[in-house]
C-alpha atoms as a PDB file:
ATOM      1  CA  UNK A   1     133.190 124.688 142.972  1.00  0.00           C
ATOM      2  CA  UNK A   2     135.169 124.936 139.758  1.00  0.00           C
ATOM      3  CA  UNK A   3     136.466 121.436 140.483  1.00  0.00           C
ATOM      4  CA  UNK A   4     132.898 120.134 140.528  1.00  0.00           C
ATOM      5  CA  UNK A   5     132.153 121.817 137.217  1.00  0.00           C
ATOM      6  CA  UNK A   6     135.323 120.333 135.714  1.00  0.00           C
ATOM      7  CA  UNK A   7     134.367 116.889 137.010  1.00  0.00           C
ATOM      8  CA  UNK A   8     130.864 117.207 135.566  1.00  0.00           C
ATOM      9  CA  UNK A   9     132.239 118.364 132.202  1.00  0.00           C
ATOM     10  CA  UNK A  10     134.719 115.468 132.180  1.00  0.00           C
ATOM     11  CA  UNK A  11     131.942 113.003 132.998  1.00  0.00           C
ATOM     12  CA  UNK A  12     129.785 114.442 130.217  1.00  0.00           C
ATOM     13  CA  UNK A  13     132.703 114.235 127.766  1.00  0.00           C
ATOM     14  CA  UNK A  14     133.436 110.634 128.838  1.00  0.00           C
ATOM     15  CA  UNK A  15     129.762 109.787 128.327  1.00  0.00           C
ATOM     16  CA  UNK A  16     129.775 111.430 124.869  1.00  0.00           C
ATOM     17  CA  UNK A  17     132.995 109.600 123.991  1.00  0.00           C
ATOM     18  CA  UNK A  18     131.468 106.261 125.071  1.00  0.00           C
ATOM     19  CA  UNK A  19     128.357 106.923 123.006  1.00  0.00           C
ATOM     20  CA  UNK A  20     130.484 107.803 119.974  1.00  0.00           C
ATOM     21  CA  UNK A  21     132.415 104.540 120.424  1.00  0.00           C
ATOM     22  CA  UNK A  22     129.115 102.618 120.673  1.00  0.00           C
ATOM     23  CA  UNK A  23     127.834 104.373 117.570  1.00  0.00           C
ATOM     24  CA  UNK A  24     131.014 103.491 115.669  1.00  0.00           C
ATOM     25  CA  UNK A  25     130.576  99.855 116.725  1.00  0.00           C
ATOM     26  CA  UNK A  26     126.969  99.861 115.562  1.00  0.00           C
ATOM     27  CA  UNK A  27     128.002 101.413 112.252  1.00  0.00           C
ATOM     28  CA  UNK A  28     130.696  98.793 111.823  1.00  0.00           C
ATOM     29  CA  UNK A  29     128.203  96.004 112.560  1.00  0.00           C
ATOM     30  CA  UNK A  30     125.723  97.579 110.163  1.00  0.00           C
ATOM     31  CA  UNK A  31     128.336  97.709 107.426  1.00  0.00           C
ATOM     32  CA  UNK A  32     129.234  94.061 107.978  1.00  0.00           C
ATOM     33  CA  UNK A  33     125.557  93.066 107.889  1.00  0.00           C
ATOM     34  CA  UNK A  34     124.968  95.194 104.794  1.00  0.00           C
ATOM     35  CA  UNK A  35     127.958  93.614 103.041  1.00  0.00           C
ATOM     36  CA  UNK A  36     126.625  90.153 103.900  1.00  0.00           C
ATOM     37  CA  UNK A  37     123.150  91.057 102.652  1.00  0.00           C
ATOM     38  CA  UNK A  38     124.567  92.451  99.427  1.00  0.00           C
ATOM     39  CA  UNK A  39     126.381  89.154  98.959  1.00  0.00           C
ATOM     40  CA  UNK A  40     123.080  87.309  99.241  1.00  0.00           C
ATOM     41  CA  UNK A  41     121.434  89.775  96.844  1.00  0.00           C
ATOM     42  CA  UNK A  42     124.286  89.399  94.350  1.00  0.00           C
ATOM     43  CA  UNK A  43     123.899  85.626  94.507  1.00  0.00           C
ATOM     44  CA  UNK A  44     120.155  85.844  93.893  1.00  0.00           C
ATOM     45  CA  UNK A  45     120.664  88.352  91.108  1.00  0.00           C
ATOM     46  CA  UNK A  46     123.148  86.000  89.459  1.00  0.00           C
ATOM     47  CA  UNK A  47     120.607  83.201  89.674  1.00  0.00           C
ATOM     48  CA  UNK A  48     117.845  85.362  88.189  1.00  0.00           C
ATOM     49  CA  UNK A  49     120.187  86.556  85.457  1.00  0.00           C
ATOM     50  CA  UNK A  50     121.015  82.948  84.598  1.00  0.00           C
ATOM     51  CA  UNK A  51     117.349  82.075  84.391  1.00  0.00           C
ATOM     52  CA  UNK A  52     116.658  85.108  82.216  1.00  0.00           C
ATOM     53  CA  UNK A  53     119.393  84.076  79.797  1.00  0.00           C
ATOM     54  CA  UNK A  54     117.888  80.583  79.688  1.00  0.00           C
ATOM     55  CA  UNK A  55     114.437  82.011  78.933  1.00  0.00           C
ATOM     56  CA  UNK A  56     115.889  84.234  76.206  1.00  0.00           C
ATOM     57  CA  UNK A  57     117.616  81.223  74.623  1.00  0.00           C
ATOM     58  CA  UNK A  58     114.380  79.234  74.744  1.00  0.00           C
ATOM     59  CA  UNK A  59     112.493  82.131  73.192  1.00  0.00           C
ATOM     60  CA  UNK A  60     115.002  82.374  70.316  1.00  0.00           C
ATOM     61  CA  UNK A  61     114.734  78.627  69.671  1.00  0.00           C
ATOM     62  CA  UNK A  62     110.942  78.763  69.722  1.00  0.00           C
ATOM     63  CA  UNK A  63     110.876  81.709  67.308  1.00  0.00           C
ATOM     64  CA  UNK A  64     113.184  79.828  64.950  1.00  0.00           C
ATOM     65  CA  UNK A  65     111.032  76.691  65.224  1.00  0.00           C
ATOM     66  CA  UNK A  66     107.847  78.667  64.599  1.00  0.00           C
ATOM     67  CA  UNK A  67     109.392  80.307  61.534  1.00  0.00           C
ATOM     68  CA  UNK A  68     110.297  76.847  60.212  1.00  0.00           C
ATOM     69  CA  UNK A  69     106.802  75.548  60.860  1.00  0.00           C
ATOM     70  CA  UNK A  70     105.345  78.572  59.101  1.00  0.00           C
ATOM     71  CA  UNK A  71     107.436  77.839  56.011  1.00  0.00           C
ATOM     72  CA  UNK A  72     106.311  74.199  56.070  1.00  0.00           C
ATOM     73  CA  UNK A  73     102.656  75.240  56.522  1.00  0.00           C
ATOM     74  CA  UNK A  74     102.832  77.692  53.609  1.00  0.00           C
ATOM     75  CA  UNK A  75     104.399  75.017  51.431  1.00  0.00           C
ATOM     76  CA  UNK A  76     101.734  72.480  52.384  1.00  0.00           C
ATOM     77  CA  UNK A  77      98.985  75.049  51.745  1.00  0.00           C
ATOM     78  CA  UNK A  78     100.477  75.827  48.346  1.00  0.00           C
ATOM     79  CA  UNK A  79     100.636  72.129  47.462  1.00  0.00           C
ATOM     80  CA  UNK A  80      97.048  71.645  48.614  1.00  0.00           C
ATOM     81  CA  UNK A  81      95.920  74.605  46.505  1.00  0.00           C
ATOM     82  CA  UNK A  82      97.607  73.064  43.443  1.00  0.00           C
ATOM     83  CA  UNK A  83      95.968  69.685  44.102  1.00  0.00           C
ATOM     84  CA  UNK A  84      92.536  71.307  44.552  1.00  0.00           C
ATOM     85  CA  UNK A  85      93.024  73.241  41.340  1.00  0.00           C
ATOM     86  CA  UNK A  86      93.899  70.004  39.484  1.00  0.00           C
ATOM     87  CA  UNK A  87      90.774  68.294  40.863  1.00  0.00           C
ATOM     88  CA  UNK A  88      88.643  71.275  39.835  1.00  0.00           C
ATOM     89  CA  UNK A  89      90.077  71.144  36.286  1.00  0.00           C
ATOM     90  CA  UNK A  90      89.361  67.430  36.049  1.00  0.00           C
ATOM     91  CA  UNK A  91      85.852  67.957  37.402  1.00  0.00           C
ATOM     92  CA  UNK A  92      85.248  70.742  34.905  1.00  0.00           C
ATOM     93  CA  UNK A  93      86.559  68.538  32.088  1.00  0.00           C
ATOM     94  CA  UNK A  94      84.266  65.675  33.140  1.00  0.00           C
ATOM     95  CA  UNK A  95      81.269  67.961  33.415  1.00  0.00           C
ATOM     96  CA  UNK A  96      82.024  69.320  29.940  1.00  0.00           C
ATOM     97  CA  UNK A  97      81.917  65.842  28.399  1.00  0.00           C
ATOM     98  CA  UNK A  98      78.426  65.062  29.620  1.00  0.00           C
END
């Protein structure tokens, strides 16, 4: 009888040992798959980071261009104001001579 119990315990232990080995294999496969997936994610992240840097560069250039255009527009508006003022003075002078 004790031999049967020992055999059953040994069978249970062998079964547990086999399941532990299977679990270790699954964990190892999961780690390999996770490492591969992280590689893909790192690649995508690098691509997104590159695009973000490109967008930031474009944004800086556009801000600089807009600032330049604003300076040109203010200068043109100032020149126009001076020209309008000269026309108004001439008009006033002509109206005064009548």
